[in-house]
Amino acid sequence: MCGGYYEEEIEDKQYYGPSTQFTSTPSFGRAAAICELEDIECNLDPYHNRINFKNARAEEQFTIAWQKAVAGSQRD
């Protein structure tokens, strides 16, 4: 799962499924938080602001959670 792992543990969980790259660090941080809160199977690449998902299902879970978060922030 995203977040909470030491670098050595992340190396054991390299995912080569779909990935999403963010153009800004704040957006990447928000996405990383969503991955952790939703327990989405992925790993984070903070050097490239990219999230690598385990598979298409994990990416779909993230997309749904991201859309809900964006919709919620637009109501405020």
PDB file of N, CA and C in Angstrom:
ATOM      1  N   MET A   1       0.827  -1.161   0.000  1.00  0.00           N
ATOM      2  CA  MET A   1       0.000   0.000   0.000  1.00  0.00           C
ATOM      3  C   MET A   1       0.887   1.245   0.000  1.00  0.00           C
ATOM      4  N   CYS A   2       0.315   2.338  -0.360  1.00  0.00           N
ATOM      5  CA  CYS A   2       1.070   3.585  -0.400  1.00  0.00           C
ATOM      6  C   CYS A   2       1.343   4.094   1.007  1.00  0.00           C
ATOM      7  N   GLY A   3       2.467   4.759   1.146  1.00  0.00           N
ATOM      8  CA  GLY A   3       2.793   5.430   2.390  1.00  0.00           C
ATOM      9  C   GLY A   3       3.191   4.486   3.501  1.00  0.00           C
ATOM     10  N   GLY A   4       3.982   4.997   4.410  1.00  0.00           N
ATOM     11  CA  GLY A   4       4.341   4.249   5.594  1.00  0.00           C
ATOM     12  C   GLY A   4       5.409   3.192   5.421  1.00  0.00           C
ATOM     13  N   TYR A   5       6.000   3.073   4.276  1.00  0.00           N
ATOM     14  CA  TYR A   5       7.033   2.076   4.055  1.00  0.00           C
ATOM     15  C   TYR A   5       8.395   2.736   4.008  1.00  0.00           C
ATOM     16  N   TYR A   6       9.387   2.017   4.483  1.00  0.00           N
ATOM     17  CA  TYR A   6      10.754   2.471   4.327  1.00  0.00           C
ATOM     18  C   TYR A   6      11.209   2.166   2.913  1.00  0.00           C
ATOM     19  N   GLU A   7      12.227   2.857   2.467  1.00  0.00           N
ATOM     20  CA  GLU A   7      12.700   2.710   1.088  1.00  0.00           C
ATOM     21  C   GLU A   7      13.037   1.265   0.751  1.00  0.00           C
ATOM     22  N   GLU A   8      13.621   0.526   1.694  1.00  0.00           N
ATOM     23  CA  GLU A   8      13.994  -0.860   1.416  1.00  0.00           C
ATOM     24  C   GLU A   8      12.764  -1.719   1.145  1.00  0.00           C
ATOM     25  N   GLU A   9      11.679  -1.440   1.858  1.00  0.00           N
ATOM     26  CA  GLU A   9      10.457  -2.210   1.659  1.00  0.00           C
ATOM     27  C   GLU A   9       9.803  -1.876   0.330  1.00  0.00           C
ATOM     28  N   ILE A  10       9.901  -0.626  -0.096  1.00  0.00           N
ATOM     29  CA  ILE A  10       9.315  -0.228  -1.368  1.00  0.00           C
ATOM     30  C   ILE A  10       9.981  -0.969  -2.513  1.00  0.00           C
ATOM     31  N   GLU A  11      11.274  -1.177  -2.424  1.00  0.00           N
ATOM     32  CA  GLU A  11      11.981  -1.876  -3.491  1.00  0.00           C
ATOM     33  C   GLU A  11      11.428  -3.279  -3.701  1.00  0.00           C
ATOM     34  N   ASP A  12      10.888  -3.894  -2.666  1.00  0.00           N
ATOM     35  CA  ASP A  12      10.297  -5.225  -2.795  1.00  0.00           C
ATOM     36  C   ASP A  12       8.926  -5.188  -3.443  1.00  0.00           C
ATOM     37  N   LYS A  13       8.307  -4.027  -3.525  1.00  0.00           N
ATOM     38  CA  LYS A  13       6.950  -3.894  -4.039  1.00  0.00           C
ATOM     39  C   LYS A  13       6.914  -2.974  -5.246  1.00  0.00           C
ATOM     40  N   GLN A  14       7.700  -3.254  -6.238  1.00  0.00           N
ATOM     41  CA  GLN A  14       7.671  -2.460  -7.457  1.00  0.00           C
ATOM     42  C   GLN A  14       6.482  -2.887  -8.305  1.00  0.00           C
ATOM     43  N   TYR A  15       5.643  -1.925  -8.647  1.00  0.00           N
ATOM     44  CA  TYR A  15       4.485  -2.201  -9.483  1.00  0.00           C
ATOM     45  C   TYR A  15       4.731  -1.635 -10.873  1.00  0.00           C
ATOM     46  N   TYR A  16       4.381  -2.415 -11.861  1.00  0.00           N
ATOM     47  CA  TYR A  16       4.601  -2.005 -13.243  1.00  0.00           C
ATOM     48  C   TYR A  16       3.301  -1.911 -14.019  1.00  0.00           C
ATOM     49  N   GLY A  17       2.216  -1.675 -13.299  1.00  0.00           N
ATOM     50  CA  GLY A  17       0.921  -1.467 -13.931  1.00  0.00           C
ATOM     51  C   GLY A  17       0.811  -0.032 -14.413  1.00  0.00           C
ATOM     52  N   PRO A  18      -0.401   0.444 -14.550  1.00  0.00           N
ATOM     53  CA  PRO A  18      -0.609   1.826 -14.995  1.00  0.00           C
ATOM     54  C   PRO A  18       0.019   2.814 -14.014  1.00  0.00           C
ATOM     55  N   SER A  19       0.342   3.991 -14.491  1.00  0.00           N
ATOM     56  CA  SER A  19       0.887   5.023 -13.611  1.00  0.00           C
ATOM     57  C   SER A  19       0.250   6.361 -13.951  1.00  0.00           C
ATOM     58  N   THR A  20       0.303   7.256 -12.979  1.00  0.00           N
ATOM     59  CA  THR A  20      -0.206   8.611 -13.153  1.00  0.00           C
ATOM     60  C   THR A  20       0.862   9.575 -12.674  1.00  0.00           C
ATOM     61  N   GLN A  21       1.171  10.569 -13.492  1.00  0.00           N
ATOM     62  CA  GLN A  21       2.180  11.554 -13.131  1.00  0.00           C
ATOM     63  C   GLN A  21       1.494  12.901 -12.927  1.00  0.00           C
ATOM     64  N   PHE A  22       1.913  13.613 -11.875  1.00  0.00           N
ATOM     65  CA  PHE A  22       1.329  14.900 -11.536  1.00  0.00           C
ATOM     66  C   PHE A  22       2.314  16.013 -11.865  1.00  0.00           C
ATOM     67  N   THR A  23       1.787  17.151 -12.300  1.00  0.00           N
ATOM     68  CA  THR A  23       2.644  18.264 -12.702  1.00  0.00           C
ATOM     69  C   THR A  23       3.064  19.128 -11.526  1.00  0.00           C
ATOM     70  N   SER A  24       2.384  18.966 -10.384  1.00  0.00           N
ATOM     71  CA  SER A  24       2.765  19.770  -9.225  1.00  0.00           C
ATOM     72  C   SER A  24       2.941  18.884  -7.992  1.00  0.00           C
ATOM     73  N   THR A  25       3.830  19.297  -7.134  1.00  0.00           N
ATOM     74  CA  THR A  25       4.078  18.552  -5.895  1.00  0.00           C
ATOM     75  C   THR A  25       2.866  18.561  -4.968  1.00  0.00           C
ATOM     76  N   PRO A  26       2.144  19.680  -4.822  1.00  0.00           N
ATOM     77  CA  PRO A  26       0.950  19.645  -3.967  1.00  0.00           C
ATOM     78  C   PRO A  26      -0.112  18.646  -4.455  1.00  0.00           C
ATOM     79  N   SER A  27      -0.308  18.569  -5.755  1.00  0.00           N
ATOM     80  CA  SER A  27      -1.269  17.606  -6.298  1.00  0.00           C
ATOM     81  C   SER A  27      -0.811  16.176  -6.032  1.00  0.00           C
ATOM     82  N   PHE A  28       0.479  15.939  -6.197  1.00  0.00           N
ATOM     83  CA  PHE A  28       1.021  14.617  -5.917  1.00  0.00           C
ATOM     84  C   PHE A  28       0.816  14.260  -4.450  1.00  0.00           C
ATOM     85  N   GLY A  29       1.069  15.209  -3.549  1.00  0.00           N
ATOM     86  CA  GLY A  29       0.873  14.971  -2.125  1.00  0.00           C
ATOM     87  C   GLY A  29      -0.566  14.629  -1.791  1.00  0.00           C
ATOM     88  N   ARG A  30      -1.485  15.333  -2.409  1.00  0.00           N
ATOM     89  CA  ARG A  30      -2.911  15.056  -2.203  1.00  0.00           C
ATOM     90  C   ARG A  30      -3.266  13.657  -2.722  1.00  0.00           C
ATOM     91  N   ALA A  31      -2.729  13.313  -3.874  1.00  0.00           N
ATOM     92  CA  ALA A  31      -2.977  11.992  -4.456  1.00  0.00           C
ATOM     93  C   ALA A  31      -2.389  10.893  -3.580  1.00  0.00           C
ATOM     94  N   ALA A  32      -1.204  11.129  -3.038  1.00  0.00           N
ATOM     95  CA  ALA A  32      -0.579  10.147  -2.155  1.00  0.00           C
ATOM     96  C   ALA A  32      -1.430   9.922  -0.913  1.00  0.00           C
ATOM     97  N   ALA A  33      -1.995  11.003  -0.380  1.00  0.00           N
ATOM     98  CA  ALA A  33      -2.868  10.884   0.787  1.00  0.00           C
ATOM     99  C   ALA A  33      -4.113  10.072   0.459  1.00  0.00           C
ATOM    100  N   ILE A  34      -4.671  10.278  -0.714  1.00  0.00           N
ATOM    101  CA  ILE A  34      -5.846   9.511  -1.138  1.00  0.00           C
ATOM    102  C   ILE A  34      -5.494   8.032  -1.238  1.00  0.00           C
ATOM    103  N   CYS A  35      -4.335   7.732  -1.805  1.00  0.00           N
ATOM    104  CA  CYS A  35      -3.916   6.332  -1.925  1.00  0.00           C
ATOM    105  C   CYS A  35      -3.815   5.681  -0.551  1.00  0.00           C
ATOM    106  N   GLU A  36      -3.255   6.397   0.389  1.00  0.00           N
ATOM    107  CA  GLU A  36      -3.091   5.844   1.733  1.00  0.00           C
ATOM    108  C   GLU A  36      -4.442   5.681   2.429  1.00  0.00           C
ATOM    109  N   LEU A  37      -5.284   6.692   2.349  1.00  0.00           N
ATOM    110  CA  LEU A  37      -6.591   6.630   3.003  1.00  0.00           C
ATOM    111  C   LEU A  37      -7.494   5.551   2.414  1.00  0.00           C
ATOM    112  N   GLU A  38      -7.403   5.370   1.104  1.00  0.00           N
ATOM    113  CA  GLU A  38      -8.253   4.393   0.417  1.00  0.00           C
ATOM    114  C   GLU A  38      -7.609   3.018   0.341  1.00  0.00           C
ATOM    115  N   ASP A  39      -6.395   2.888   0.862  1.00  0.00           N
ATOM    116  CA  ASP A  39      -5.675   1.612   0.876  1.00  0.00           C
ATOM    117  C   ASP A  39      -5.512   1.036  -0.542  1.00  0.00           C
ATOM    118  N   ILE A  40      -5.078   1.891  -1.454  1.00  0.00           N
ATOM    119  CA  ILE A  40      -4.909   1.519  -2.854  1.00  0.00           C
ATOM    120  C   ILE A  40      -3.517   0.925  -3.056  1.00  0.00           C
ATOM    121  N   GLU A  41      -3.454  -0.192  -3.748  1.00  0.00           N
ATOM    122  CA  GLU A  41      -2.176  -0.882  -3.978  1.00  0.00           C
ATOM    123  C   GLU A  41      -1.370  -0.143  -5.043  1.00  0.00           C
ATOM    124  N   CYS A  42      -0.326   0.531  -4.576  1.00  0.00           N
ATOM    125  CA  CYS A  42       0.516   1.319  -5.462  1.00  0.00           C
ATOM    126  C   CYS A  42       1.821   1.624  -4.751  1.00  0.00           C
ATOM    127  N   ASN A  43       2.754   2.207  -5.485  1.00  0.00           N
ATOM    128  CA  ASN A  43       3.927   2.777  -4.834  1.00  0.00           C
ATOM    129  C   ASN A  43       4.122   4.183  -5.368  1.00  0.00           C
ATOM    130  N   LEU A  44       4.794   4.993  -4.572  1.00  0.00           N
ATOM    131  CA  LEU A  44       4.954   6.405  -4.886  1.00  0.00           C
ATOM    132  C   LEU A  44       6.362   6.682  -5.375  1.00  0.00           C
ATOM    133  N   ASP A  45       6.463   7.524  -6.375  1.00  0.00           N
ATOM    134  CA  ASP A  45       7.751   7.985  -6.888  1.00  0.00           C
ATOM    135  C   ASP A  45       7.793   9.499  -6.704  1.00  0.00           C
ATOM    136  N   PRO A  46       8.212   9.967  -5.514  1.00  0.00           N
ATOM    137  CA  PRO A  46       8.186  11.407  -5.249  1.00  0.00           C
ATOM    138  C   PRO A  46       9.191  12.197  -6.078  1.00  0.00           C
ATOM    139  N   TYR A  47      10.183  11.529  -6.630  1.00  0.00           N
ATOM    140  CA  TYR A  47      11.179  12.231  -7.449  1.00  0.00           C
ATOM    141  C   TYR A  47      10.603  12.663  -8.793  1.00  0.00           C
ATOM    142  N   HIS A  48       9.598  11.923  -9.258  1.00  0.00           N
ATOM    143  CA  HIS A  48       8.965  12.240 -10.541  1.00  0.00           C
ATOM    144  C   HIS A  48       7.490  12.585 -10.388  1.00  0.00           C
ATOM    145  N   ASN A  49       7.018  12.740  -9.131  1.00  0.00           N
ATOM    146  CA  ASN A  49       5.595  13.020  -8.855  1.00  0.00           C
ATOM    147  C   ASN A  49       4.684  12.012  -9.554  1.00  0.00           C
ATOM    148  N   ARG A  50       5.048  10.729  -9.418  1.00  0.00           N
ATOM    149  CA  ARG A  50       4.312   9.680 -10.127  1.00  0.00           C
ATOM    150  C   ARG A  50       3.843   8.607  -9.145  1.00  0.00           C
ATOM    151  N   ILE A  51       2.657   8.067  -9.433  1.00  0.00           N
ATOM    152  CA  ILE A  51       2.132   6.933  -8.683  1.00  0.00           C
ATOM    153  C   ILE A  51       2.063   5.755  -9.646  1.00  0.00           C
ATOM    154  N   ASN A  52       2.661   4.637  -9.247  1.00  0.00           N
ATOM    155  CA  ASN A  52       2.625   3.407 -10.039  1.00  0.00           C
ATOM    156  C   ASN A  52       1.636   2.455  -9.362  1.00  0.00           C
ATOM    157  N   PHE A  53       0.618   2.068 -10.092  1.00  0.00           N
ATOM    158  CA  PHE A  53      -0.427   1.206  -9.544  1.00  0.00           C
ATOM    159  C   PHE A  53      -0.102  -0.255  -9.792  1.00  0.00           C
ATOM    160  N   LYS A  54      -0.613  -1.116  -8.912  1.00  0.00           N
ATOM    161  CA  LYS A  54      -0.367  -2.554  -9.046  1.00  0.00           C
ATOM    162  C   LYS A  54      -1.026  -3.092 -10.308  1.00  0.00           C
ATOM    163  N   ASN A  55      -2.226  -2.607 -10.602  1.00  0.00           N
ATOM    164  CA  ASN A  55      -2.972  -3.091 -11.762  1.00  0.00           C
ATOM    165  C   ASN A  55      -4.033  -2.056 -12.141  1.00  0.00           C
ATOM    166  N   ALA A  56      -4.797  -2.368 -13.177  1.00  0.00           N
ATOM    167  CA  ALA A  56      -5.827  -1.441 -13.655  1.00  0.00           C
ATOM    168  C   ALA A  56      -6.917  -1.227 -12.614  1.00  0.00           C
ATOM    169  N   ARG A  57      -7.208  -2.240 -11.821  1.00  0.00           N
ATOM    170  CA  ARG A  57      -8.230  -2.102 -10.774  1.00  0.00           C
ATOM    171  C   ARG A  57      -7.801  -1.080  -9.732  1.00  0.00           C
ATOM    172  N   ALA A  58      -6.554  -1.100  -9.338  1.00  0.00           N
ATOM    173  CA  ALA A  58      -6.037  -0.124  -8.369  1.00  0.00           C
ATOM    174  C   ALA A  58      -6.110   1.290  -8.950  1.00  0.00           C
ATOM    175  N   GLU A  59      -5.784   1.424 -10.224  1.00  0.00           N
ATOM    176  CA  GLU A  59      -5.872   2.737 -10.866  1.00  0.00           C
ATOM    177  C   GLU A  59      -7.318   3.214 -10.896  1.00  0.00           C
ATOM    178  N   GLU A  60      -8.245   2.311 -11.159  1.00  0.00           N
ATOM    179  CA  GLU A  60      -9.666   2.660 -11.183  1.00  0.00           C
ATOM    180  C   GLU A  60     -10.139   3.121  -9.795  1.00  0.00           C
ATOM    181  N   GLN A  61      -9.716   2.414  -8.749  1.00  0.00           N
ATOM    182  CA  GLN A  61     -10.061   2.818  -7.386  1.00  0.00           C
ATOM    183  C   GLN A  61      -9.566   4.237  -7.110  1.00  0.00           C
ATOM    184  N   PHE A  62      -8.329   4.514  -7.528  1.00  0.00           N
ATOM    185  CA  PHE A  62      -7.768   5.841  -7.319  1.00  0.00           C
ATOM    186  C   PHE A  62      -8.563   6.895  -8.086  1.00  0.00           C
ATOM    187  N   THR A  63      -8.885   6.620  -9.327  1.00  0.00           N
ATOM    188  CA  THR A  63      -9.603   7.589 -10.161  1.00  0.00           C
ATOM    189  C   THR A  63     -10.941   7.956  -9.534  1.00  0.00           C
ATOM    190  N   ILE A  64     -11.653   6.968  -9.029  1.00  0.00           N
ATOM    191  CA  ILE A  64     -12.942   7.217  -8.382  1.00  0.00           C
ATOM    192  C   ILE A  64     -12.750   8.068  -7.130  1.00  0.00           C
ATOM    193  N   ALA A  65     -11.777   7.707  -6.293  1.00  0.00           N
ATOM    194  CA  ALA A  65     -11.521   8.462  -5.064  1.00  0.00           C
ATOM    195  C   ALA A  65     -11.068   9.887  -5.387  1.00  0.00           C
ATOM    196  N   TRP A  66     -10.246  10.054  -6.416  1.00  0.00           N
ATOM    197  CA  TRP A  66      -9.750  11.378  -6.808  1.00  0.00           C
ATOM    198  C   TRP A  66     -10.907  12.258  -7.272  1.00  0.00           C
ATOM    199  N   GLN A  67     -11.805  11.691  -8.081  1.00  0.00           N
ATOM    200  CA  GLN A  67     -12.952  12.457  -8.576  1.00  0.00           C
ATOM    201  C   GLN A  67     -13.855  12.902  -7.428  1.00  0.00           C
ATOM    202  N   LYS A  68     -14.055  12.031  -6.439  1.00  0.00           N
ATOM    203  CA  LYS A  68     -14.857  12.387  -5.269  1.00  0.00           C
ATOM    204  C   LYS A  68     -14.182  13.515  -4.486  1.00  0.00           C
ATOM    205  N   ALA A  69     -12.869  13.442  -4.327  1.00  0.00           N
ATOM    206  CA  ALA A  69     -12.135  14.469  -3.585  1.00  0.00           C
ATOM    207  C   ALA A  69     -12.204  15.811  -4.300  1.00  0.00           C
ATOM    208  N   VAL A  70     -12.046  15.790  -5.607  1.00  0.00           N
ATOM    209  CA  VAL A  70     -12.097  17.037  -6.391  1.00  0.00           C
ATOM    210  C   VAL A  70     -13.506  17.613  -6.344  1.00  0.00           C
ATOM    211  N   ALA A  71     -14.509  16.780  -6.493  1.00  0.00           N
ATOM    212  CA  ALA A  71     -15.892  17.260  -6.438  1.00  0.00           C
ATOM    213  C   ALA A  71     -16.206  17.844  -5.066  1.00  0.00           C
ATOM    214  N   GLY A  72     -15.714  17.219  -4.011  1.00  0.00           N
ATOM    215  CA  GLY A  72     -15.947  17.713  -2.651  1.00  0.00           C
ATOM    216  C   GLY A  72     -15.282  19.046  -2.404  1.00  0.00           C
ATOM    217  N   SER A  73     -14.097  19.245  -2.958  1.00  0.00           N
ATOM    218  CA  SER A  73     -13.385  20.502  -2.737  1.00  0.00           C
ATOM    219  C   SER A  73     -14.004  21.640  -3.526  1.00  0.00           C
ATOM    220  N   GLN A  74     -14.719  21.353  -4.605  1.00  0.00           N
ATOM    221  CA  GLN A  74     -15.355  22.395  -5.398  1.00  0.00           C
ATOM    222  C   GLN A  74     -16.619  22.921  -4.723  1.00  0.00           C
ATOM    223  N   ARG A  75     -17.201  22.120  -3.830  1.00  0.00           N
ATOM    224  CA  ARG A  75     -18.415  22.553  -3.117  1.00  0.00           C
ATOM    225  C   ARG A  75     -18.083  23.522  -2.002  1.00  0.00           C
ATOM    226  N   ASP A  76     -16.873  23.462  -1.485  1.00  0.00           N
ATOM    227  CA  ASP A  76     -16.498  24.306  -0.332  1.00  0.00           C
ATOM    228  C   ASP A  76     -16.339  25.751  -0.714  1.00  0.00           C
TER     229      ASP A  76
END
